[in-house]
Amino acid sequence: MAAELKQKPAEASKPKNYKGFVAGVFSGIAKLSADHSNASRRRSAMKAYADSTKGATPPLVGWMFMDSVMLGSLTVYRRLLAEHVFVRLPPSSRHPDAATRVATESAQSSHAAVHLPSYGHGLAGVLAGATVSFIAAPVEHVKARLQIQYSAKKTERLYSGPIDCLRKIYGAHGIRGVYKGLFATLLFRSFFFFWWGSYDIFSRQLKERTALSAPAINFWAGGLSAQIFWLTSYPSDVVKQRIMTDPMGGQLKDGTPRFRTWADAAKTVHREAGWKGYWRGFVPCFLRAFPANAMALVAFEGVMRTLPV
């Protein structure tokens, strides 16, 4: 009986895996809301996108699902790395009260193990990025193909919407066609190392050096770390877009494929526009990254603090 009583506190303090997935849903809602605040500056593009996606699942559902998988898996990977890889770093080995402090801080944030080093958070980000890539790749592939037919007349467009696009690609090229650009997506999201590593650094520094509230720290750390991510990853995103908009040929009859590999696409970008080609469209993306991701992290961390341990 005594042994059972001793085990209960440990079991009660074990982190819940569902928390990150639930909080990620709210992150997606906040991100889309913040992104739409810039809609007046992108009115024509948004209108064109709306025309191509009428009758489809609202973009909100996509954001919610993607962020749920990404942030939920991030939280799980953080915990697994803390329990099985960075086990030599717990502060409780030096301070008697540290174990209690760690448990309290873990319950109040997404940092399932607050003793993880920043590069540990970065590694968890890489793993989370790889996980969500298997969902993101076909979604981004379909979106990219719809975007390049904006200028064409409706009667000349190959795809009438996302579902039609997915159906035609699968019918002509199977699952490999649907997942065209998967390697480029995995490479792009490997830069999550810099996003989540820097997010931890900014969070710790702001907490130690300022009197900002927790939501304010989440806001600034979330926005700044997202900009670090785009500064490091944007060229790979440009190459990814080129691959995902490359004609597929075959039964689709949309043209002749140009790129056999990721390297072919990267070389073509440089050949056509030099190094500047890798940064085309960067400024609006960079400016949009701060508010959207700052609000997303405020929502995510806020829900993580609210949900039961």
C-alpha atoms as a PDB file:
ATOM      1  CA  MET A   1       0.000   0.000   0.000  1.00  0.00           C
ATOM      2  CA  ALA A   2       2.820   2.373   0.895  1.00  0.00           C
ATOM      3  CA  ALA A   3       4.500   1.685  -2.440  1.00  0.00           C
ATOM      4  CA  GLU A   4       1.297   2.504  -4.284  1.00  0.00           C
ATOM      5  CA  LEU A   5       0.959   5.791  -2.412  1.00  0.00           C
ATOM      6  CA  LYS A   6       4.522   6.735  -3.346  1.00  0.00           C
ATOM      7  CA  GLN A   7       3.885   6.063  -7.024  1.00  0.00           C
ATOM      8  CA  LYS A   8       0.784   8.232  -7.319  1.00  0.00           C
ATOM      9  CA  PRO A   9       2.515  11.632  -7.121  1.00  0.00           C
ATOM     10  CA  ALA A  10       5.004  10.575  -9.809  1.00  0.00           C
ATOM     11  CA  GLU A  11       2.220   9.404 -12.077  1.00  0.00           C
ATOM     12  CA  ALA A  12       0.223  12.559 -11.472  1.00  0.00           C
ATOM     13  CA  SER A  13       3.202  14.739 -12.369  1.00  0.00           C
ATOM     14  CA  LYS A  14       3.902  12.915 -15.629  1.00  0.00           C
ATOM     15  CA  PRO A  15       3.282  15.345 -18.511  1.00  0.00           C
ATOM     16  CA  LYS A  16       0.232  14.823 -20.686  1.00  0.00           C
ATOM     17  CA  ASN A  17       1.095  14.217 -24.330  1.00  0.00           C
ATOM     18  CA  TYR A  18      -2.211  15.632 -25.554  1.00  0.00           C
ATOM     19  CA  LYS A  19      -1.513  19.161 -24.305  1.00  0.00           C
ATOM     20  CA  GLY A  20       0.704  20.256 -27.165  1.00  0.00           C
ATOM     21  CA  PHE A  21      -1.718  18.970 -29.783  1.00  0.00           C
ATOM     22  CA  VAL A  22      -4.659  20.804 -28.217  1.00  0.00           C
ATOM     23  CA  ALA A  23      -2.688  24.022 -27.719  1.00  0.00           C
ATOM     24  CA  GLY A  24      -1.487  23.803 -31.326  1.00  0.00           C
ATOM     25  CA  VAL A  25      -5.063  24.168 -32.535  1.00  0.00           C
ATOM     26  CA  PHE A  26      -5.285  27.570 -30.842  1.00  0.00           C
ATOM     27  CA  SER A  27      -1.924  28.507 -32.311  1.00  0.00           C
ATOM     28  CA  GLY A  28      -3.317  27.894 -35.784  1.00  0.00           C
ATOM     29  CA  ILE A  29      -6.350  30.070 -35.085  1.00  0.00           C
ATOM     30  CA  ALA A  30      -4.187  32.909 -33.772  1.00  0.00           C
ATOM     31  CA  LYS A  31      -1.760  32.657 -36.686  1.00  0.00           C
ATOM     32  CA  LEU A  32      -4.486  32.860 -39.300  1.00  0.00           C
ATOM     33  CA  SER A  33      -6.157  35.784 -37.500  1.00  0.00           C
ATOM     34  CA  ALA A  34      -2.889  37.725 -37.345  1.00  0.00           C
ATOM     35  CA  ASP A  35      -2.058  36.905 -40.953  1.00  0.00           C
ATOM     36  CA  HIS A  36      -5.439  38.173 -42.140  1.00  0.00           C
ATOM     37  CA  SER A  37      -4.776  41.534 -40.518  1.00  0.00           C
ATOM     38  CA  ASN A  38      -2.401  42.180 -43.421  1.00  0.00           C
ATOM     39  CA  ALA A  39      -5.026  41.251 -46.004  1.00  0.00           C
ATOM     40  CA  SER A  40      -5.504  44.813 -47.226  1.00  0.00           C
ATOM     41  CA  ARG A  41      -1.938  44.786 -48.525  1.00  0.00           C
ATOM     42  CA  ARG A  42      -2.502  41.505 -50.352  1.00  0.00           C
ATOM     43  CA  ARG A  43      -6.077  41.966 -51.503  1.00  0.00           C
ATOM     44  CA  SER A  44      -5.640  40.840 -55.108  1.00  0.00           C
ATOM     45  CA  ALA A  45      -3.668  37.725 -54.132  1.00  0.00           C
ATOM     46  CA  MET A  46      -6.205  36.767 -51.500  1.00  0.00           C
ATOM     47  CA  LYS A  47      -9.070  37.254 -53.941  1.00  0.00           C
ATOM     48  CA  ALA A  48      -7.364  35.020 -56.467  1.00  0.00           C
ATOM     49  CA  TYR A  49      -6.763  32.392 -53.817  1.00  0.00           C
ATOM     50  CA  ALA A  50     -10.384  32.570 -52.701  1.00  0.00           C
ATOM     51  CA  ASP A  51     -11.527  32.089 -56.297  1.00  0.00           C
ATOM     52  CA  SER A  52      -9.508  28.914 -56.596  1.00  0.00           C
ATOM     53  CA  THR A  53     -10.632  27.448 -53.273  1.00  0.00           C
ATOM     54  CA  LYS A  54     -14.375  28.050 -53.287  1.00  0.00           C
ATOM     55  CA  GLY A  55     -16.187  25.065 -51.868  1.00  0.00           C
ATOM     56  CA  ALA A  56     -13.036  23.696 -50.252  1.00  0.00           C
ATOM     57  CA  THR A  57     -12.237  23.237 -46.581  1.00  0.00           C
ATOM     58  CA  PRO A  58     -11.621  26.642 -44.998  1.00  0.00           C
ATOM     59  CA  PRO A  59      -7.935  27.558 -44.589  1.00  0.00           C
ATOM     60  CA  LEU A  60      -8.514  27.788 -40.835  1.00  0.00           C
ATOM     61  CA  VAL A  61      -8.895  24.014 -40.576  1.00  0.00           C
ATOM     62  CA  GLY A  62      -5.581  23.532 -42.347  1.00  0.00           C
ATOM     63  CA  TRP A  63      -3.739  25.939 -40.039  1.00  0.00           C
ATOM     64  CA  MET A  64      -5.261  24.316 -36.966  1.00  0.00           C
ATOM     65  CA  PHE A  65      -4.354  20.791 -38.049  1.00  0.00           C
ATOM     66  CA  MET A  66      -0.811  21.668 -39.154  1.00  0.00           C
ATOM     67  CA  ASP A  67       0.021  23.593 -35.995  1.00  0.00           C
ATOM     68  CA  SER A  68      -1.546  20.894 -33.843  1.00  0.00           C
ATOM     69  CA  VAL A  69       0.717  18.219 -35.343  1.00  0.00           C
ATOM     70  CA  MET A  70       3.814  20.418 -35.371  1.00  0.00           C
ATOM     71  CA  LEU A  71       3.531  21.829 -31.853  1.00  0.00           C
ATOM     72  CA  GLY A  72       2.113  18.644 -30.374  1.00  0.00           C
ATOM     73  CA  SER A  73       4.972  16.547 -31.707  1.00  0.00           C
ATOM     74  CA  LEU A  74       7.453  19.267 -30.674  1.00  0.00           C
ATOM     75  CA  THR A  75       6.265  18.979 -27.079  1.00  0.00           C
ATOM     76  CA  VAL A  76       6.542  15.186 -27.147  1.00  0.00           C
ATOM     77  CA  TYR A  77      10.038  15.261 -28.675  1.00  0.00           C
ATOM     78  CA  ARG A  78      11.192  17.779 -26.063  1.00  0.00           C
ATOM     79  CA  ARG A  79      10.088  15.418 -23.302  1.00  0.00           C
ATOM     80  CA  LEU A  80      11.624  12.340 -24.929  1.00  0.00           C
ATOM     81  CA  LEU A  81      14.952  14.096 -25.469  1.00  0.00           C
ATOM     82  CA  ALA A  82      14.967  15.312 -21.875  1.00  0.00           C
ATOM     83  CA  GLU A  83      14.202  11.844 -20.531  1.00  0.00           C
ATOM     84  CA  HIS A  84      16.490   9.783 -22.764  1.00  0.00           C
ATOM     85  CA  VAL A  85      19.219  11.986 -24.278  1.00  0.00           C
ATOM     86  CA  PHE A  86      19.968  14.995 -22.075  1.00  0.00           C
ATOM     87  CA  VAL A  87      19.579  13.115 -18.817  1.00  0.00           C
ATOM     88  CA  ARG A  88      22.863  14.412 -17.372  1.00  0.00           C
ATOM     89  CA  LEU A  89      21.649  17.996 -17.201  1.00  0.00           C
ATOM     90  CA  PRO A  90      18.904  18.098 -14.522  1.00  0.00           C
ATOM     91  CA  PRO A  91      19.475  20.994 -12.086  1.00  0.00           C
ATOM     92  CA  SER A  92      18.003  18.940  -9.220  1.00  0.00           C
ATOM     93  CA  SER A  93      21.379  17.244  -8.846  1.00  0.00           C
ATOM     94  CA  ARG A  94      22.778  20.477  -7.392  1.00  0.00           C
ATOM     95  CA  HIS A  95      19.793  22.199  -5.797  1.00  0.00           C
ATOM     96  CA  PRO A  96      17.296  20.373  -3.543  1.00  0.00           C
ATOM     97  CA  ASP A  97      14.401  22.627  -4.496  1.00  0.00           C
ATOM     98  CA  ALA A  98      15.177  22.560  -8.212  1.00  0.00           C
ATOM     99  CA  ALA A  99      13.060  19.463  -8.904  1.00  0.00           C
ATOM    100  CA  THR A 100       9.973  21.229  -7.602  1.00  0.00           C
ATOM    101  CA  ARG A 101      10.777  24.357  -9.613  1.00  0.00           C
ATOM    102  CA  VAL A 102      11.307  22.330 -12.800  1.00  0.00           C
ATOM    103  CA  ALA A 103       7.983  20.522 -12.343  1.00  0.00           C
ATOM    104  CA  THR A 104       6.184  23.822 -11.779  1.00  0.00           C
ATOM    105  CA  GLU A 105       7.745  25.547 -14.795  1.00  0.00           C
ATOM    106  CA  SER A 106       7.066  22.502 -16.973  1.00  0.00           C
ATOM    107  CA  ALA A 107       3.415  22.638 -16.037  1.00  0.00           C
ATOM    108  CA  GLN A 108       3.230  26.315 -16.925  1.00  0.00           C
ATOM    109  CA  SER A 109       4.811  26.216 -20.377  1.00  0.00           C
ATOM    110  CA  SER A 110       5.390  24.096 -23.466  1.00  0.00           C
ATOM    111  CA  HIS A 111       8.887  23.279 -22.181  1.00  0.00           C
ATOM    112  CA  ALA A 112       8.159  19.751 -20.997  1.00  0.00           C
ATOM    113  CA  ALA A 113      11.749  19.672 -19.704  1.00  0.00           C
ATOM    114  CA  VAL A 114      13.096  23.101 -18.848  1.00  0.00           C
ATOM    115  CA  HIS A 115      16.613  21.753 -18.365  1.00  0.00           C
ATOM    116  CA  LEU A 116      16.983  20.995 -22.088  1.00  0.00           C
ATOM    117  CA  PRO A 117      19.808  23.050 -23.635  1.00  0.00           C
ATOM    118  CA  SER A 118      18.861  25.376 -26.464  1.00  0.00           C
ATOM    119  CA  TYR A 119      20.288  23.006 -29.076  1.00  0.00           C
ATOM    120  CA  GLY A 120      18.118  20.284 -27.550  1.00  0.00           C
ATOM    121  CA  HIS A 121      15.069  22.401 -28.282  1.00  0.00           C
ATOM    122  CA  GLY A 122      16.470  22.927 -31.782  1.00  0.00           C
ATOM    123  CA  LEU A 123      16.804  19.170 -32.275  1.00  0.00           C
ATOM    124  CA  ALA A 124      13.223  18.681 -31.095  1.00  0.00           C
ATOM    125  CA  GLY A 125      12.248  21.289 -33.692  1.00  0.00           C
ATOM    126  CA  VAL A 126      13.967  19.334 -36.470  1.00  0.00           C
ATOM    127  CA  LEU A 127      12.116  16.163 -35.475  1.00  0.00           C
ATOM    128  CA  ALA A 128       8.795  18.023 -35.287  1.00  0.00           C
ATOM    129  CA  GLY A 129       9.475  19.586 -38.675  1.00  0.00           C
ATOM    130  CA  ALA A 130      10.126  16.175 -40.204  1.00  0.00           C
ATOM    131  CA  THR A 131       6.935  14.815 -38.662  1.00  0.00           C
ATOM    132  CA  VAL A 132       4.664  17.569 -39.957  1.00  0.00           C
ATOM    133  CA  SER A 133       6.355  17.499 -43.383  1.00  0.00           C
ATOM    134  CA  PHE A 134       4.460  14.355 -44.305  1.00  0.00           C
ATOM    135  CA  ILE A 135       1.263  16.377 -43.946  1.00  0.00           C
ATOM    136  CA  ALA A 136       2.628  19.675 -45.199  1.00  0.00           C
ATOM    137  CA  ALA A 137       4.182  18.345 -48.421  1.00  0.00           C
ATOM    138  CA  PRO A 138       0.946  17.396 -50.260  1.00  0.00           C
ATOM    139  CA  VAL A 139      -0.889  20.435 -48.854  1.00  0.00           C
ATOM    140  CA  GLU A 140       1.809  22.843 -50.038  1.00  0.00           C
ATOM    141  CA  HIS A 141       2.123  20.998 -53.342  1.00  0.00           C
ATOM    142  CA  VAL A 142      -1.558  21.471 -54.134  1.00  0.00           C
ATOM    143  CA  LYS A 143      -1.482  25.096 -52.971  1.00  0.00           C
ATOM    144  CA  ALA A 144       1.550  25.857 -55.152  1.00  0.00           C
ATOM    145  CA  ARG A 145      -0.079  24.415 -58.274  1.00  0.00           C
ATOM    146  CA  LEU A 146      -3.252  26.401 -57.699  1.00  0.00           C
ATOM    147  CA  GLN A 147      -1.279  29.621 -57.233  1.00  0.00           C
ATOM    148  CA  ILE A 148       0.503  29.426 -60.580  1.00  0.00           C
ATOM    149  CA  GLN A 149      -2.758  29.311 -62.523  1.00  0.00           C
ATOM    150  CA  TYR A 150      -4.145  32.584 -61.093  1.00  0.00           C
ATOM    151  CA  SER A 151      -3.435  34.546 -64.256  1.00  0.00           C
ATOM    152  CA  ALA A 152      -5.092  32.036 -66.555  1.00  0.00           C
ATOM    153  CA  LYS A 153      -8.743  32.322 -67.528  1.00  0.00           C
ATOM    154  CA  LYS A 154     -11.026  30.068 -65.524  1.00  0.00           C
ATOM    155  CA  THR A 155     -11.863  28.047 -68.619  1.00  0.00           C
ATOM    156  CA  GLU A 156      -8.141  27.469 -69.238  1.00  0.00           C
ATOM    157  CA  ARG A 157      -7.235  26.408 -65.728  1.00  0.00           C
ATOM    158  CA  LEU A 158      -6.184  22.798 -65.278  1.00  0.00           C
ATOM    159  CA  TYR A 159      -7.572  22.553 -61.758  1.00  0.00           C
ATOM    160  CA  SER A 160     -10.910  23.846 -60.496  1.00  0.00           C
ATOM    161  CA  GLY A 161      -9.877  23.668 -56.833  1.00  0.00           C
ATOM    162  CA  PRO A 162      -7.817  21.782 -54.223  1.00  0.00           C
ATOM    163  CA  ILE A 163      -9.803  18.545 -54.354  1.00  0.00           C
ATOM    164  CA  ASP A 164      -9.782  18.475 -58.149  1.00  0.00           C
ATOM    165  CA  CYS A 165      -6.040  19.185 -58.143  1.00  0.00           C
ATOM    166  CA  LEU A 166      -5.329  16.367 -55.701  1.00  0.00           C
ATOM    167  CA  ARG A 167      -7.548  13.959 -57.626  1.00  0.00           C
ATOM    168  CA  LYS A 168      -5.887  14.694 -60.986  1.00  0.00           C
ATOM    169  CA  ILE A 169      -2.341  14.500 -59.633  1.00  0.00           C
ATOM    170  CA  TYR A 170      -3.054  11.185 -57.906  1.00  0.00           C
ATOM    171  CA  GLY A 171      -4.795   9.817 -60.987  1.00  0.00           C
ATOM    172  CA  ALA A 172      -1.856  10.679 -63.233  1.00  0.00           C
ATOM    173  CA  HIS A 173       1.121  10.064 -60.973  1.00  0.00           C
ATOM    174  CA  GLY A 174      -0.084   8.184 -57.901  1.00  0.00           C
ATOM    175  CA  ILE A 175       1.094   8.825 -54.365  1.00  0.00           C
ATOM    176  CA  ARG A 176       4.581   9.782 -55.569  1.00  0.00           C
ATOM    177  CA  GLY A 177       3.044  12.588 -57.556  1.00  0.00           C
ATOM    178  CA  VAL A 178       1.059  13.821 -54.574  1.00  0.00           C
ATOM    179  CA  TYR A 179       4.252  13.859 -52.507  1.00  0.00           C
ATOM    180  CA  LYS A 180       6.340  15.631 -55.130  1.00  0.00           C
ATOM    181  CA  GLY A 181       8.663  17.951 -53.231  1.00  0.00           C
ATOM    182  CA  LEU A 182       8.746  15.901 -50.028  1.00  0.00           C
ATOM    183  CA  PHE A 183      12.545  16.014 -49.809  1.00  0.00           C
ATOM    184  CA  ALA A 184      12.486  19.778 -50.355  1.00  0.00           C
ATOM    185  CA  THR A 185       9.846  20.078 -47.628  1.00  0.00           C
ATOM    186  CA  LEU A 186      11.922  18.015 -45.192  1.00  0.00           C
ATOM    187  CA  LEU A 187      14.980  20.141 -45.958  1.00  0.00           C
ATOM    188  CA  PHE A 188      13.050  23.391 -45.508  1.00  0.00           C
ATOM    189  CA  ARG A 189      11.655  22.294 -42.146  1.00  0.00           C
ATOM    190  CA  SER A 190      15.034  21.121 -40.903  1.00  0.00           C
ATOM    191  CA  PHE A 191      15.627  24.836 -40.301  1.00  0.00           C
ATOM    192  CA  PHE A 192      13.170  24.536 -37.422  1.00  0.00           C
ATOM    193  CA  PHE A 193      16.390  23.916 -35.512  1.00  0.00           C
ATOM    194  CA  PHE A 194      17.055  27.659 -35.630  1.00  0.00           C
ATOM    195  CA  TRP A 195      13.439  28.573 -34.887  1.00  0.00           C
ATOM    196  CA  TRP A 196      13.023  26.542 -31.716  1.00  0.00           C
ATOM    197  CA  GLY A 197      16.607  26.836 -30.574  1.00  0.00           C
ATOM    198  CA  SER A 198      16.438  30.628 -30.798  1.00  0.00           C
ATOM    199  CA  TYR A 199      12.957  30.650 -29.256  1.00  0.00           C
ATOM    200  CA  ASP A 200      14.402  29.020 -26.164  1.00  0.00           C
ATOM    201  CA  ILE A 201      17.316  31.481 -26.080  1.00  0.00           C
ATOM    202  CA  PHE A 202      15.054  34.524 -26.440  1.00  0.00           C
ATOM    203  CA  SER A 203      12.632  33.146 -23.840  1.00  0.00           C
ATOM    204  CA  ARG A 204      15.356  32.544 -21.277  1.00  0.00           C
ATOM    205  CA  GLN A 205      17.062  35.891 -21.828  1.00  0.00           C
ATOM    206  CA  LEU A 206      13.836  37.879 -21.647  1.00  0.00           C
ATOM    207  CA  LYS A 207      12.822  36.056 -18.486  1.00  0.00           C
ATOM    208  CA  GLU A 208      16.183  36.665 -16.808  1.00  0.00           C
ATOM    209  CA  ARG A 209      16.832  40.233 -17.975  1.00  0.00           C
ATOM    210  CA  THR A 210      13.379  41.834 -18.072  1.00  0.00           C
ATOM    211  CA  ALA A 211      10.247  42.096 -15.970  1.00  0.00           C
ATOM    212  CA  LEU A 212       7.967  41.192 -18.868  1.00  0.00           C
ATOM    213  CA  SER A 213       4.940  39.016 -18.232  1.00  0.00           C
ATOM    214  CA  ALA A 214       4.843  35.466 -19.568  1.00  0.00           C
ATOM    215  CA  PRO A 215       2.554  36.373 -22.515  1.00  0.00           C
ATOM    216  CA  ALA A 216       4.816  39.311 -23.427  1.00  0.00           C
ATOM    217  CA  ILE A 217       7.877  37.047 -23.370  1.00  0.00           C
ATOM    218  CA  ASN A 218       6.055  34.535 -25.588  1.00  0.00           C
ATOM    219  CA  PHE A 219       5.115  37.348 -27.986  1.00  0.00           C
ATOM    220  CA  TRP A 220       8.614  38.739 -28.439  1.00  0.00           C
ATOM    221  CA  ALA A 221      10.393  35.394 -28.390  1.00  0.00           C
ATOM    222  CA  GLY A 222       7.857  33.933 -30.823  1.00  0.00           C
ATOM    223  CA  GLY A 223       8.110  36.802 -33.299  1.00  0.00           C
ATOM    224  CA  LEU A 224      11.892  37.141 -33.199  1.00  0.00           C
ATOM    225  CA  SER A 225      12.563  33.403 -33.451  1.00  0.00           C
ATOM    226  CA  ALA A 226      10.233  33.142 -36.452  1.00  0.00           C
ATOM    227  CA  GLN A 227      12.277  35.814 -38.194  1.00  0.00           C
ATOM    228  CA  ILE A 228      15.472  33.896 -37.407  1.00  0.00           C
ATOM    229  CA  PHE A 229      13.850  30.879 -39.030  1.00  0.00           C
ATOM    230  CA  TRP A 230      12.965  32.735 -42.230  1.00  0.00           C
ATOM    231  CA  LEU A 231      16.402  34.362 -42.438  1.00  0.00           C
ATOM    232  CA  THR A 232      17.987  30.916 -42.472  1.00  0.00           C
ATOM    233  CA  SER A 233      15.383  28.959 -44.435  1.00  0.00           C
ATOM    234  CA  TYR A 234      14.012  31.278 -47.108  1.00  0.00           C
ATOM    235  CA  PRO A 235      16.318  30.186 -49.982  1.00  0.00           C
ATOM    236  CA  SER A 236      15.311  26.560 -49.426  1.00  0.00           C
ATOM    237  CA  ASP A 237      11.642  27.609 -49.544  1.00  0.00           C
ATOM    238  CA  VAL A 238      12.197  29.304 -52.907  1.00  0.00           C
ATOM    239  CA  VAL A 239      13.717  26.105 -54.306  1.00  0.00           C
ATOM    240  CA  LYS A 240      10.864  24.073 -52.821  1.00  0.00           C
ATOM    241  CA  GLN A 241       8.326  26.256 -54.591  1.00  0.00           C
ATOM    242  CA  ARG A 242      10.117  25.815 -57.909  1.00  0.00           C
ATOM    243  CA  ILE A 243       9.995  22.039 -57.515  1.00  0.00           C
ATOM    244  CA  MET A 244       6.328  22.029 -56.548  1.00  0.00           C
ATOM    245  CA  THR A 245       5.354  24.187 -59.522  1.00  0.00           C
ATOM    246  CA  ASP A 246       7.456  22.278 -62.046  1.00  0.00           C
ATOM    247  CA  PRO A 247       5.338  20.653 -64.784  1.00  0.00           C
ATOM    248  CA  MET A 248       4.690  16.987 -64.077  1.00  0.00           C
ATOM    249  CA  GLY A 249       3.954  15.871 -67.620  1.00  0.00           C
ATOM    250  CA  GLY A 250       2.454  12.494 -68.427  1.00  0.00           C
ATOM    251  CA  GLN A 251      -1.321  12.231 -68.321  1.00  0.00           C
ATOM    252  CA  LEU A 252      -1.631  15.715 -66.811  1.00  0.00           C
ATOM    253  CA  LYS A 253      -0.314  17.241 -70.053  1.00  0.00           C
ATOM    254  CA  ASP A 254       0.838  20.334 -68.151  1.00  0.00           C
ATOM    255  CA  GLY A 255       4.234  20.597 -69.817  1.00  0.00           C
ATOM    256  CA  THR A 256       7.663  18.989 -69.719  1.00  0.00           C
ATOM    257  CA  PRO A 257       9.331  18.505 -66.325  1.00  0.00           C
ATOM    258  CA  ARG A 258      12.480  20.617 -65.877  1.00  0.00           C
ATOM    259  CA  PHE A 259      14.001  19.350 -62.638  1.00  0.00           C
ATOM    260  CA  ARG A 260      15.064  15.822 -61.798  1.00  0.00           C
ATOM    261  CA  THR A 261      16.588  16.714 -58.425  1.00  0.00           C
ATOM    262  CA  TRP A 262      16.584  19.426 -55.765  1.00  0.00           C
ATOM    263  CA  ALA A 263      20.039  20.492 -56.951  1.00  0.00           C
ATOM    264  CA  ASP A 264      18.722  21.021 -60.505  1.00  0.00           C
ATOM    265  CA  ALA A 265      16.074  23.422 -59.199  1.00  0.00           C
ATOM    266  CA  ALA A 266      18.585  25.265 -56.995  1.00  0.00           C
ATOM    267  CA  LYS A 267      21.007  25.714 -59.898  1.00  0.00           C
ATOM    268  CA  THR A 268      18.223  26.985 -62.154  1.00  0.00           C
ATOM    269  CA  VAL A 269      17.233  29.671 -59.652  1.00  0.00           C
ATOM    270  CA  HIS A 270      20.830  30.916 -59.560  1.00  0.00           C
ATOM    271  CA  ARG A 271      21.275  30.703 -63.320  1.00  0.00           C
ATOM    272  CA  GLU A 272      18.130  32.737 -63.990  1.00  0.00           C
ATOM    273  CA  ALA A 273      18.443  35.415 -61.308  1.00  0.00           C
ATOM    274  CA  GLY A 274      21.749  35.000 -59.478  1.00  0.00           C
ATOM    275  CA  TRP A 275      21.887  34.960 -55.688  1.00  0.00           C
ATOM    276  CA  LYS A 276      19.044  37.500 -55.559  1.00  0.00           C
ATOM    277  CA  GLY A 277      16.743  34.837 -56.959  1.00  0.00           C
ATOM    278  CA  TYR A 278      16.913  32.954 -53.669  1.00  0.00           C
ATOM    279  CA  TRP A 279      15.522  35.997 -51.836  1.00  0.00           C
ATOM    280  CA  ARG A 280      12.740  37.057 -54.208  1.00  0.00           C
ATOM    281  CA  GLY A 281       9.658  37.958 -52.168  1.00  0.00           C
ATOM    282  CA  PHE A 282      11.557  37.795 -48.882  1.00  0.00           C
ATOM    283  CA  VAL A 283      10.637  41.215 -47.435  1.00  0.00           C
ATOM    284  CA  PRO A 284       6.836  40.746 -47.232  1.00  0.00           C
ATOM    285  CA  CYS A 285       7.333  37.210 -45.890  1.00  0.00           C
ATOM    286  CA  PHE A 286       9.785  38.440 -43.258  1.00  0.00           C
ATOM    287  CA  LEU A 287       7.518  41.281 -42.136  1.00  0.00           C
ATOM    288  CA  ARG A 288       4.491  39.005 -41.958  1.00  0.00           C
ATOM    289  CA  ALA A 289       6.356  36.374 -39.919  1.00  0.00           C
ATOM    290  CA  PHE A 290       6.662  38.438 -36.745  1.00  0.00           C
ATOM    291  CA  PRO A 291       3.023  39.279 -35.910  1.00  0.00           C
ATOM    292  CA  ALA A 292       1.601  35.960 -37.110  1.00  0.00           C
ATOM    293  CA  ASN A 293       3.990  33.769 -35.149  1.00  0.00           C
ATOM    294  CA  ALA A 294       4.173  36.080 -32.135  1.00  0.00           C
ATOM    295  CA  MET A 295       0.423  35.775 -31.645  1.00  0.00           C
ATOM    296  CA  ALA A 296       0.535  32.048 -32.384  1.00  0.00           C
ATOM    297  CA  LEU A 297       3.084  31.455 -29.619  1.00  0.00           C
ATOM    298  CA  VAL A 298       1.139  33.619 -27.154  1.00  0.00           C
ATOM    299  CA  ALA A 299      -1.922  31.472 -27.807  1.00  0.00           C
ATOM    300  CA  PHE A 300      -0.001  28.194 -27.683  1.00  0.00           C
ATOM    301  CA  GLU A 301       1.860  28.924 -24.454  1.00  0.00           C
ATOM    302  CA  GLY A 302      -1.243  30.420 -22.853  1.00  0.00           C
ATOM    303  CA  VAL A 303      -3.234  27.245 -23.473  1.00  0.00           C
ATOM    304  CA  MET A 304      -0.314  25.106 -22.288  1.00  0.00           C
ATOM    305  CA  ARG A 305      -0.309  26.996 -18.998  1.00  0.00           C
ATOM    306  CA  THR A 306      -4.083  26.626 -18.668  1.00  0.00           C
ATOM    307  CA  LEU A 307      -4.456  22.912 -19.383  1.00  0.00           C
ATOM    308  CA  PRO A 308      -4.095  20.554 -16.408  1.00  0.00           C
ATOM    309  CA  VAL A 309      -0.707  18.956 -15.812  1.00  0.00           C
END
